[in-house]
Amino acid sequence: MIQCIIIDDEPNAREFMQMLIERHFADKLKVVALAASVKEGVAAIEKHQPDIVFLDIEMPVENGFKLFSYFSVVEFETIFTTAYQNHAIDAIKHAALDYLLKPINLIDLAEAIKRYDKRHEDQKKPDEKIAILLNQLKSQKDTYGKIAIPTLTGFQLERILNILYCEADHNLTRIHSISGESILSSKPLMFFEEVLPAALFFRIHKSTLLNITHVKRYSHNDGFKVSLENGTILEVATRRNDEFVKMLTQHN
């Protein structure tokens, strides 16, 4: 019996994957643990020593790639799960690793399991493949690539890492970039909260989605505020502050 662990910060995603496995592959796979973060995943892997880890890429605090820094030797196979077709997929393919695009369906999962069976004939061990993956990611100048921002007249391409923050403007969203340009999008803020990497962007206020990599200073004097590298000062909502501080201090 192949033992597997599912690591995903979204409860529905974890439970759906578990349901697919238990309903259709119970004779072959056994889910031995569910984890909501990299930290929980590390503990589960050390305890259960799984054969396969289904690993979400975009998670708050630490993204999926951080998992491997906790192991001197990686002895489990990894199948990445992601909602972003362009996010590090080339690096994953280059390393001969597998991935599933969300929303995950039965056919894709079945194919991934078949590929797992065939990989036992591969000369490369899981540890070697992970080393190739991490080297590929390290060599990429911009892992996150660009996003096509829907505007009132079409689309505008912008590098994800260049986005400072997204600001709600009624039912529209204004995108502020490091160049000083402001792009008015035809989509609401919730759209960008869903499509931008959760490892980088945090909803600090009902009207503000912030790229935390551009935060220069945080202050809890006279309310909660952040200062960005360009001098912009933004307010952090009280009810979001604790989670934001946790993400900010653990991000590297």
C-alpha atoms as a PDB file:
ATOM      1  CA  MET A   1       0.000   0.000   0.000  1.00  0.00           C
ATOM      2  CA  ILE A   2       1.358   3.406  -1.049  1.00  0.00           C
ATOM      3  CA  GLN A   3       1.229   5.836   1.885  1.00  0.00           C
ATOM      4  CA  CYS A   4       0.646   9.498   1.118  1.00  0.00           C
ATOM      5  CA  ILE A   5       0.333  12.855   2.863  1.00  0.00           C
ATOM      6  CA  ILE A   6      -1.639  15.849   1.606  1.00  0.00           C
ATOM      7  CA  ILE A   7      -0.248  19.310   2.409  1.00  0.00           C
ATOM      8  CA  ASP A   8      -2.524  22.220   1.504  1.00  0.00           C
ATOM      9  CA  ASP A   9      -3.577  25.310   3.444  1.00  0.00           C
ATOM     10  CA  GLU A  10      -7.122  25.126   2.033  1.00  0.00           C
ATOM     11  CA  PRO A  11      -9.325  22.699   4.040  1.00  0.00           C
ATOM     12  CA  ASN A  12     -11.636  22.073   1.091  1.00  0.00           C
ATOM     13  CA  ALA A  13      -8.694  21.207  -1.162  1.00  0.00           C
ATOM     14  CA  ARG A  14      -7.257  18.761   1.384  1.00  0.00           C
ATOM     15  CA  GLU A  15     -10.595  17.076   1.959  1.00  0.00           C
ATOM     16  CA  PHE A  16     -11.411  16.880  -1.746  1.00  0.00           C
ATOM     17  CA  MET A  17      -8.064  15.240  -2.540  1.00  0.00           C
ATOM     18  CA  GLN A  18      -8.550  12.789   0.317  1.00  0.00           C
ATOM     19  CA  MET A  19     -12.053  11.983  -0.936  1.00  0.00           C
ATOM     20  CA  LEU A  20     -10.781  11.301  -4.466  1.00  0.00           C
ATOM     21  CA  ILE A  21      -8.100   8.960  -3.178  1.00  0.00           C
ATOM     22  CA  GLU A  22     -10.305   7.081  -0.719  1.00  0.00           C
ATOM     23  CA  ARG A  23     -13.188   6.731  -3.164  1.00  0.00           C
ATOM     24  CA  HIS A  24     -11.243   5.712  -6.272  1.00  0.00           C
ATOM     25  CA  PHE A  25      -7.807   4.469  -5.185  1.00  0.00           C
ATOM     26  CA  ALA A  26      -8.406   2.880  -1.773  1.00  0.00           C
ATOM     27  CA  ASP A  27      -6.869  -0.378  -2.981  1.00  0.00           C
ATOM     28  CA  LYS A  28      -3.617   1.361  -3.871  1.00  0.00           C
ATOM     29  CA  LEU A  29      -3.175   4.561  -1.825  1.00  0.00           C
ATOM     30  CA  LYS A  30      -3.675   5.296   1.845  1.00  0.00           C
ATOM     31  CA  VAL A  31      -3.836   8.872   3.183  1.00  0.00           C
ATOM     32  CA  VAL A  32      -1.935   8.737   6.471  1.00  0.00           C
ATOM     33  CA  ALA A  33      -2.030  12.457   7.308  1.00  0.00           C
ATOM     34  CA  LEU A  34      -3.360  15.867   6.287  1.00  0.00           C
ATOM     35  CA  ALA A  35      -1.371  19.045   6.895  1.00  0.00           C
ATOM     36  CA  ALA A  36      -2.335  22.722   6.586  1.00  0.00           C
ATOM     37  CA  SER A  37       1.183  24.165   6.386  1.00  0.00           C
ATOM     38  CA  VAL A  38       4.798  23.332   5.665  1.00  0.00           C
ATOM     39  CA  LYS A  39       5.471  23.110   9.394  1.00  0.00           C
ATOM     40  CA  GLU A  40       2.659  20.583   9.904  1.00  0.00           C
ATOM     41  CA  GLY A  41       3.787  18.733   6.789  1.00  0.00           C
ATOM     42  CA  VAL A  42       7.342  18.320   8.078  1.00  0.00           C
ATOM     43  CA  ALA A  43       6.051  16.807  11.327  1.00  0.00           C
ATOM     44  CA  ALA A  44       3.730  14.451   9.423  1.00  0.00           C
ATOM     45  CA  ILE A  45       6.498  13.310   7.077  1.00  0.00           C
ATOM     46  CA  GLU A  46       8.887  12.631   9.950  1.00  0.00           C
ATOM     47  CA  LYS A  47       6.201  10.603  11.723  1.00  0.00           C
ATOM     48  CA  HIS A  48       4.774   8.585   8.824  1.00  0.00           C
ATOM     49  CA  GLN A  49       7.644   8.382   6.285  1.00  0.00           C
ATOM     50  CA  PRO A  50       5.247   8.543   3.290  1.00  0.00           C
ATOM     51  CA  ASP A  51       5.866   7.332  -0.249  1.00  0.00           C
ATOM     52  CA  ILE A  52       4.110  10.323  -1.848  1.00  0.00           C
ATOM     53  CA  VAL A  53       3.534  13.895  -0.682  1.00  0.00           C
ATOM     54  CA  PHE A  54       0.842  15.896  -2.482  1.00  0.00           C
ATOM     55  CA  LEU A  55       2.213  19.408  -1.959  1.00  0.00           C
ATOM     56  CA  ASP A  56       0.461  22.723  -2.551  1.00  0.00           C
ATOM     57  CA  ILE A  57       2.814  25.434  -3.831  1.00  0.00           C
ATOM     58  CA  GLU A  58       1.041  28.608  -2.780  1.00  0.00           C
ATOM     59  CA  MET A  59       0.596  28.715   0.993  1.00  0.00           C
ATOM     60  CA  PRO A  60       0.885  31.566   3.511  1.00  0.00           C
ATOM     61  CA  VAL A  61       3.937  31.849   5.812  1.00  0.00           C
ATOM     62  CA  GLU A  62       6.000  29.343   3.781  1.00  0.00           C
ATOM     63  CA  ASN A  63       5.343  28.162   0.240  1.00  0.00           C
ATOM     64  CA  GLY A  64       5.609  24.513  -0.735  1.00  0.00           C
ATOM     65  CA  PHE A  65       9.198  24.729  -1.970  1.00  0.00           C
ATOM     66  CA  LYS A  66      10.333  25.562   1.576  1.00  0.00           C
ATOM     67  CA  LEU A  67       9.419  22.024   2.647  1.00  0.00           C
ATOM     68  CA  PHE A  68      12.622  20.569   1.239  1.00  0.00           C
ATOM     69  CA  SER A  69      14.871  22.835   3.291  1.00  0.00           C
ATOM     70  CA  TYR A  70      13.856  20.826   6.374  1.00  0.00           C
ATOM     71  CA  PHE A  71      15.288  17.558   5.042  1.00  0.00           C
ATOM     72  CA  SER A  72      18.921  16.702   4.390  1.00  0.00           C
ATOM     73  CA  VAL A  73      17.718  13.783   2.255  1.00  0.00           C
ATOM     74  CA  VAL A  74      14.338  13.683   0.487  1.00  0.00           C
ATOM     75  CA  GLU A  75      13.142  10.084   0.317  1.00  0.00           C
ATOM     76  CA  PHE A  76       9.517  10.650  -0.719  1.00  0.00           C
ATOM     77  CA  GLU A  77       8.094  11.366  -4.160  1.00  0.00           C
ATOM     78  CA  THR A  78       6.437  14.765  -4.555  1.00  0.00           C
ATOM     79  CA  ILE A  79       3.402  15.622  -6.641  1.00  0.00           C
ATOM     80  CA  PHE A  80       2.871  19.385  -6.626  1.00  0.00           C
ATOM     81  CA  THR A  81      -0.613  20.886  -6.704  1.00  0.00           C
ATOM     82  CA  THR A  82      -1.137  24.431  -7.917  1.00  0.00           C
ATOM     83  CA  ALA A  83      -3.786  26.757  -9.309  1.00  0.00           C
ATOM     84  CA  TYR A  84      -1.178  28.677 -11.345  1.00  0.00           C
ATOM     85  CA  GLN A  85      -0.297  27.150 -14.696  1.00  0.00           C
ATOM     86  CA  ASN A  86       2.819  29.260 -15.160  1.00  0.00           C
ATOM     87  CA  HIS A  87       4.145  29.130 -11.621  1.00  0.00           C
ATOM     88  CA  ALA A  88       7.475  27.261 -11.648  1.00  0.00           C
ATOM     89  CA  ILE A  89       5.967  24.587 -13.920  1.00  0.00           C
ATOM     90  CA  ASP A  90       9.013  24.657 -16.209  1.00  0.00           C
ATOM     91  CA  ALA A  91      11.318  24.016 -13.257  1.00  0.00           C
ATOM     92  CA  ILE A  92       9.110  21.169 -12.041  1.00  0.00           C
ATOM     93  CA  LYS A  93       9.087  19.575 -15.501  1.00  0.00           C
ATOM     94  CA  HIS A  94      12.855  19.983 -15.857  1.00  0.00           C
ATOM     95  CA  ALA A  95      13.355  18.087 -12.609  1.00  0.00           C
ATOM     96  CA  ALA A  96      11.147  15.231 -13.868  1.00  0.00           C
ATOM     97  CA  LEU A  97       8.697  15.856 -11.038  1.00  0.00           C
ATOM     98  CA  ASP A  98       4.938  15.698 -11.319  1.00  0.00           C
ATOM     99  CA  TYR A  99       2.242  18.313 -10.778  1.00  0.00           C
ATOM    100  CA  LEU A 100      -1.539  18.635 -10.824  1.00  0.00           C
ATOM    101  CA  LEU A 101      -3.394  21.799 -11.766  1.00  0.00           C
ATOM    102  CA  LYS A 102      -6.284  22.847  -9.536  1.00  0.00           C
ATOM    103  CA  PRO A 103      -9.144  22.178  -9.557  1.00  0.00           C
ATOM    104  CA  ILE A 104      -7.865  18.598  -9.506  1.00  0.00           C
ATOM    105  CA  ASN A 105      -9.947  16.015 -11.346  1.00  0.00           C
ATOM    106  CA  LEU A 106     -10.050  12.239 -11.238  1.00  0.00           C
ATOM    107  CA  ILE A 107      -8.475  11.698 -14.661  1.00  0.00           C
ATOM    108  CA  ASP A 108      -5.417  13.852 -13.912  1.00  0.00           C
ATOM    109  CA  LEU A 109      -4.957  12.205 -10.522  1.00  0.00           C
ATOM    110  CA  ALA A 110      -5.150   8.735 -12.082  1.00  0.00           C
ATOM    111  CA  GLU A 111      -2.506   9.718 -14.630  1.00  0.00           C
ATOM    112  CA  ALA A 112      -0.250  11.070 -11.882  1.00  0.00           C
ATOM    113  CA  ILE A 113      -0.504   7.782  -9.986  1.00  0.00           C
ATOM    114  CA  LYS A 114       0.368   5.845 -13.159  1.00  0.00           C
ATOM    115  CA  ARG A 115       3.415   8.063 -13.642  1.00  0.00           C
ATOM    116  CA  TYR A 116       4.413   7.400 -10.039  1.00  0.00           C
ATOM    117  CA  ASP A 117       4.411   3.670 -10.763  1.00  0.00           C
ATOM    118  CA  LYS A 118       6.595   4.161 -13.833  1.00  0.00           C
ATOM    119  CA  ARG A 119       9.020   6.440 -11.977  1.00  0.00           C
ATOM    120  CA  HIS A 120      10.334   3.488  -9.996  1.00  0.00           C
ATOM    121  CA  GLU A 121      12.183   2.602 -13.181  1.00  0.00           C
ATOM    122  CA  ASP A 122      13.809   6.039 -13.228  1.00  0.00           C
ATOM    123  CA  GLN A 123      17.467   6.165 -12.255  1.00  0.00           C
ATOM    124  CA  LYS A 124      17.088   9.501 -10.501  1.00  0.00           C
ATOM    125  CA  LYS A 125      16.183   9.287  -6.808  1.00  0.00           C
ATOM    126  CA  PRO A 126      13.653  11.748  -5.287  1.00  0.00           C
ATOM    127  CA  ASP A 127      16.489  13.597  -3.557  1.00  0.00           C
ATOM    128  CA  GLU A 128      18.310  14.165  -6.859  1.00  0.00           C
ATOM    129  CA  LYS A 129      15.165  15.450  -8.539  1.00  0.00           C
ATOM    130  CA  ILE A 130      14.517  17.929  -5.727  1.00  0.00           C
ATOM    131  CA  ALA A 131      18.091  19.191  -6.004  1.00  0.00           C
ATOM    132  CA  ILE A 132      17.540  19.807  -9.726  1.00  0.00           C
ATOM    133  CA  LEU A 133      14.247  21.608  -8.976  1.00  0.00           C
ATOM    134  CA  LEU A 134      15.766  23.907  -6.351  1.00  0.00           C
ATOM    135  CA  ASN A 135      18.688  24.749  -8.644  1.00  0.00           C
ATOM    136  CA  GLN A 136      16.235  25.570 -11.420  1.00  0.00           C
ATOM    137  CA  LEU A 137      14.205  27.839  -9.136  1.00  0.00           C
ATOM    138  CA  LYS A 138      17.337  29.539  -7.878  1.00  0.00           C
ATOM    139  CA  SER A 139      18.486  30.252 -11.413  1.00  0.00           C
ATOM    140  CA  GLN A 140      15.199  31.801 -12.464  1.00  0.00           C
ATOM    141  CA  LYS A 141      15.222  35.583 -12.260  1.00  0.00           C
ATOM    142  CA  ASP A 142      11.491  35.823 -11.822  1.00  0.00           C
ATOM    143  CA  THR A 143       9.746  32.667 -10.643  1.00  0.00           C
ATOM    144  CA  TYR A 144       6.340  34.302 -10.566  1.00  0.00           C
ATOM    145  CA  GLY A 145       6.365  35.724 -14.087  1.00  0.00           C
ATOM    146  CA  LYS A 146       3.687  38.149 -15.276  1.00  0.00           C
ATOM    147  CA  ILE A 147      -0.016  38.579 -14.740  1.00  0.00           C
ATOM    148  CA  ALA A 148      -2.460  39.753 -17.396  1.00  0.00           C
ATOM    149  CA  ILE A 149      -4.430  42.506 -15.675  1.00  0.00           C
ATOM    150  CA  PRO A 150      -7.947  42.942 -17.144  1.00  0.00           C
ATOM    151  CA  THR A 151      -8.585  46.638 -17.828  1.00  0.00           C
ATOM    152  CA  LEU A 152     -11.593  48.548 -19.101  1.00  0.00           C
ATOM    153  CA  THR A 153     -10.226  48.337 -22.651  1.00  0.00           C
ATOM    154  CA  GLY A 154      -8.352  45.016 -22.705  1.00  0.00           C
ATOM    155  CA  PHE A 155      -5.376  43.642 -20.782  1.00  0.00           C
ATOM    156  CA  GLN A 156      -2.085  44.972 -19.469  1.00  0.00           C
ATOM    157  CA  LEU A 157       0.841  42.716 -18.552  1.00  0.00           C
ATOM    158  CA  GLU A 158       2.730  43.392 -15.317  1.00  0.00           C
ATOM    159  CA  ARG A 159       5.397  41.431 -13.489  1.00  0.00           C
ATOM    160  CA  ILE A 160       3.925  40.058 -10.271  1.00  0.00           C
ATOM    161  CA  LEU A 161       6.990  40.991  -8.243  1.00  0.00           C
ATOM    162  CA  ASN A 162       6.672  44.606  -9.450  1.00  0.00           C
ATOM    163  CA  ILE A 163       3.211  45.045  -7.927  1.00  0.00           C
ATOM    164  CA  LEU A 164       3.335  47.061  -4.695  1.00  0.00           C
ATOM    165  CA  TYR A 165      -0.304  46.713  -3.693  1.00  0.00           C
ATOM    166  CA  CYS A 166      -3.823  46.441  -5.051  1.00  0.00           C
ATOM    167  CA  GLU A 167      -6.439  48.932  -3.891  1.00  0.00           C
ATOM    168  CA  ALA A 168     -10.208  48.523  -4.128  1.00  0.00           C
ATOM    169  CA  ASP A 169     -11.915  51.273  -6.114  1.00  0.00           C
ATOM    170  CA  HIS A 170     -15.623  50.499  -5.730  1.00  0.00           C
ATOM    171  CA  ASN A 171     -16.096  47.388  -7.917  1.00  0.00           C
ATOM    172  CA  LEU A 172     -12.783  47.981  -9.689  1.00  0.00           C
ATOM    173  CA  THR A 173      -9.184  47.616  -8.525  1.00  0.00           C
ATOM    174  CA  ARG A 174      -6.279  50.014  -8.851  1.00  0.00           C
ATOM    175  CA  ILE A 175      -2.896  48.252  -9.193  1.00  0.00           C
ATOM    176  CA  HIS A 176       0.118  50.230  -7.926  1.00  0.00           C
ATOM    177  CA  SER A 177       3.539  49.183  -9.270  1.00  0.00           C
ATOM    178  CA  ILE A 178       7.133  50.005  -8.312  1.00  0.00           C
ATOM    179  CA  SER A 179       7.435  52.153 -11.452  1.00  0.00           C
ATOM    180  CA  GLY A 180       4.881  54.553 -10.001  1.00  0.00           C
ATOM    181  CA  GLU A 181       2.291  53.547 -12.592  1.00  0.00           C
ATOM    182  CA  SER A 182      -1.305  53.011 -11.511  1.00  0.00           C
ATOM    183  CA  ILE A 183      -3.362  50.518 -13.507  1.00  0.00           C
ATOM    184  CA  LEU A 184      -7.158  50.549 -13.209  1.00  0.00           C
ATOM    185  CA  SER A 185      -8.510  47.022 -13.554  1.00  0.00           C
ATOM    186  CA  SER A 186     -12.059  46.074 -14.426  1.00  0.00           C
ATOM    187  CA  LYS A 187     -11.945  43.269 -11.820  1.00  0.00           C
ATOM    188  CA  PRO A 188     -12.786  43.573  -8.082  1.00  0.00           C
ATOM    189  CA  LEU A 189     -10.110  43.184  -5.401  1.00  0.00           C
ATOM    190  CA  MET A 190     -11.305  39.653  -4.605  1.00  0.00           C
ATOM    191  CA  PHE A 191     -10.233  38.565  -8.094  1.00  0.00           C
ATOM    192  CA  PHE A 192      -6.620  39.560  -7.416  1.00  0.00           C
ATOM    193  CA  GLU A 193      -6.677  38.015  -3.957  1.00  0.00           C
ATOM    194  CA  GLU A 194      -7.516  34.713  -5.639  1.00  0.00           C
ATOM    195  CA  VAL A 195      -5.052  34.836  -8.555  1.00  0.00           C
ATOM    196  CA  LEU A 196      -1.966  36.461  -7.009  1.00  0.00           C
ATOM    197  CA  PRO A 197       0.465  34.215  -5.050  1.00  0.00           C
ATOM    198  CA  ALA A 198      -0.652  33.811  -1.440  1.00  0.00           C
ATOM    199  CA  ALA A 199       3.003  33.479  -0.450  1.00  0.00           C
ATOM    200  CA  LEU A 200       3.540  37.137  -1.419  1.00  0.00           C
ATOM    201  CA  PHE A 201       0.208  38.935  -1.138  1.00  0.00           C
ATOM    202  CA  PHE A 202      -1.796  39.549   2.022  1.00  0.00           C
ATOM    203  CA  ARG A 203      -5.157  41.314   2.482  1.00  0.00           C
ATOM    204  CA  ILE A 204      -4.169  43.830   5.173  1.00  0.00           C
ATOM    205  CA  HIS A 205      -7.446  45.724   4.902  1.00  0.00           C
ATOM    206  CA  LYS A 206     -10.821  45.223   3.226  1.00  0.00           C
ATOM    207  CA  SER A 207      -9.640  47.613   0.520  1.00  0.00           C
ATOM    208  CA  THR A 208      -5.926  46.709   0.305  1.00  0.00           C
ATOM    209  CA  LEU A 209      -4.013  43.652  -0.937  1.00  0.00           C
ATOM    210  CA  LEU A 210      -0.308  44.091  -0.182  1.00  0.00           C
ATOM    211  CA  ASN A 211       2.839  42.555  -1.673  1.00  0.00           C
ATOM    212  CA  ILE A 212       4.779  41.970   1.554  1.00  0.00           C
ATOM    213  CA  THR A 213       8.139  41.837  -0.233  1.00  0.00           C
ATOM    214  CA  HIS A 214       7.969  45.637  -0.589  1.00  0.00           C
ATOM    215  CA  VAL A 215       7.368  46.369   3.110  1.00  0.00           C
ATOM    216  CA  LYS A 216      10.142  48.471   4.624  1.00  0.00           C
ATOM    217  CA  ARG A 217       8.737  49.239   8.077  1.00  0.00           C
ATOM    218  CA  TYR A 218       5.888  48.125  10.330  1.00  0.00           C
ATOM    219  CA  SER A 219       4.528  50.224  13.186  1.00  0.00           C
ATOM    220  CA  HIS A 220       1.934  49.609  15.896  1.00  0.00           C
ATOM    221  CA  ASN A 221       2.179  53.161  17.229  1.00  0.00           C
ATOM    222  CA  ASP A 222      -1.136  55.008  16.776  1.00  0.00           C
ATOM    223  CA  GLY A 223      -2.738  52.101  14.946  1.00  0.00           C
ATOM    224  CA  PHE A 224      -1.160  49.442  12.743  1.00  0.00           C
ATOM    225  CA  LYS A 225       0.663  50.713   9.671  1.00  0.00           C
ATOM    226  CA  VAL A 226       3.245  49.631   7.107  1.00  0.00           C
ATOM    227  CA  SER A 227       5.646  51.801   5.147  1.00  0.00           C
ATOM    228  CA  LEU A 228       6.611  50.599   1.684  1.00  0.00           C
ATOM    229  CA  GLU A 229       9.938  51.025  -0.079  1.00  0.00           C
ATOM    230  CA  ASN A 230       8.520  53.899  -2.154  1.00  0.00           C
ATOM    231  CA  GLY A 231       7.367  55.799   0.955  1.00  0.00           C
ATOM    232  CA  THR A 232       3.685  54.851   0.762  1.00  0.00           C
ATOM    233  CA  ILE A 233       2.048  54.286   4.165  1.00  0.00           C
ATOM    234  CA  LEU A 234      -0.836  51.825   4.404  1.00  0.00           C
ATOM    235  CA  GLU A 235      -3.191  50.964   7.241  1.00  0.00           C
ATOM    236  CA  VAL A 236      -3.461  47.404   8.574  1.00  0.00           C
ATOM    237  CA  ALA A 237      -6.905  46.452   9.873  1.00  0.00           C
ATOM    238  CA  THR A 238      -6.906  45.455  13.559  1.00  0.00           C
ATOM    239  CA  ARG A 239      -8.588  42.114  12.926  1.00  0.00           C
ATOM    240  CA  ARG A 240      -5.989  41.223  10.279  1.00  0.00           C
ATOM    241  CA  ASN A 241      -2.954  42.464  12.165  1.00  0.00           C
ATOM    242  CA  ASP A 242      -1.905  39.345  14.104  1.00  0.00           C
ATOM    243  CA  GLU A 243      -1.990  37.103  11.046  1.00  0.00           C
ATOM    244  CA  PHE A 244      -0.201  39.746   8.989  1.00  0.00           C
ATOM    245  CA  VAL A 245       2.600  40.160  11.543  1.00  0.00           C
ATOM    246  CA  LYS A 246       3.039  36.388  11.665  1.00  0.00           C
ATOM    247  CA  MET A 247       3.349  36.183   7.888  1.00  0.00           C
ATOM    248  CA  LEU A 248       5.625  39.222   7.716  1.00  0.00           C
ATOM    249  CA  THR A 249       8.075  37.985  10.346  1.00  0.00           C
ATOM    250  CA  GLN A 250       8.274  34.436   9.010  1.00  0.00           C
ATOM    251  CA  HIS A 251       8.598  35.351   5.324  1.00  0.00           C
ATOM    252  CA  ASN A 252      12.120  35.252   3.854  1.00  0.00           C
END
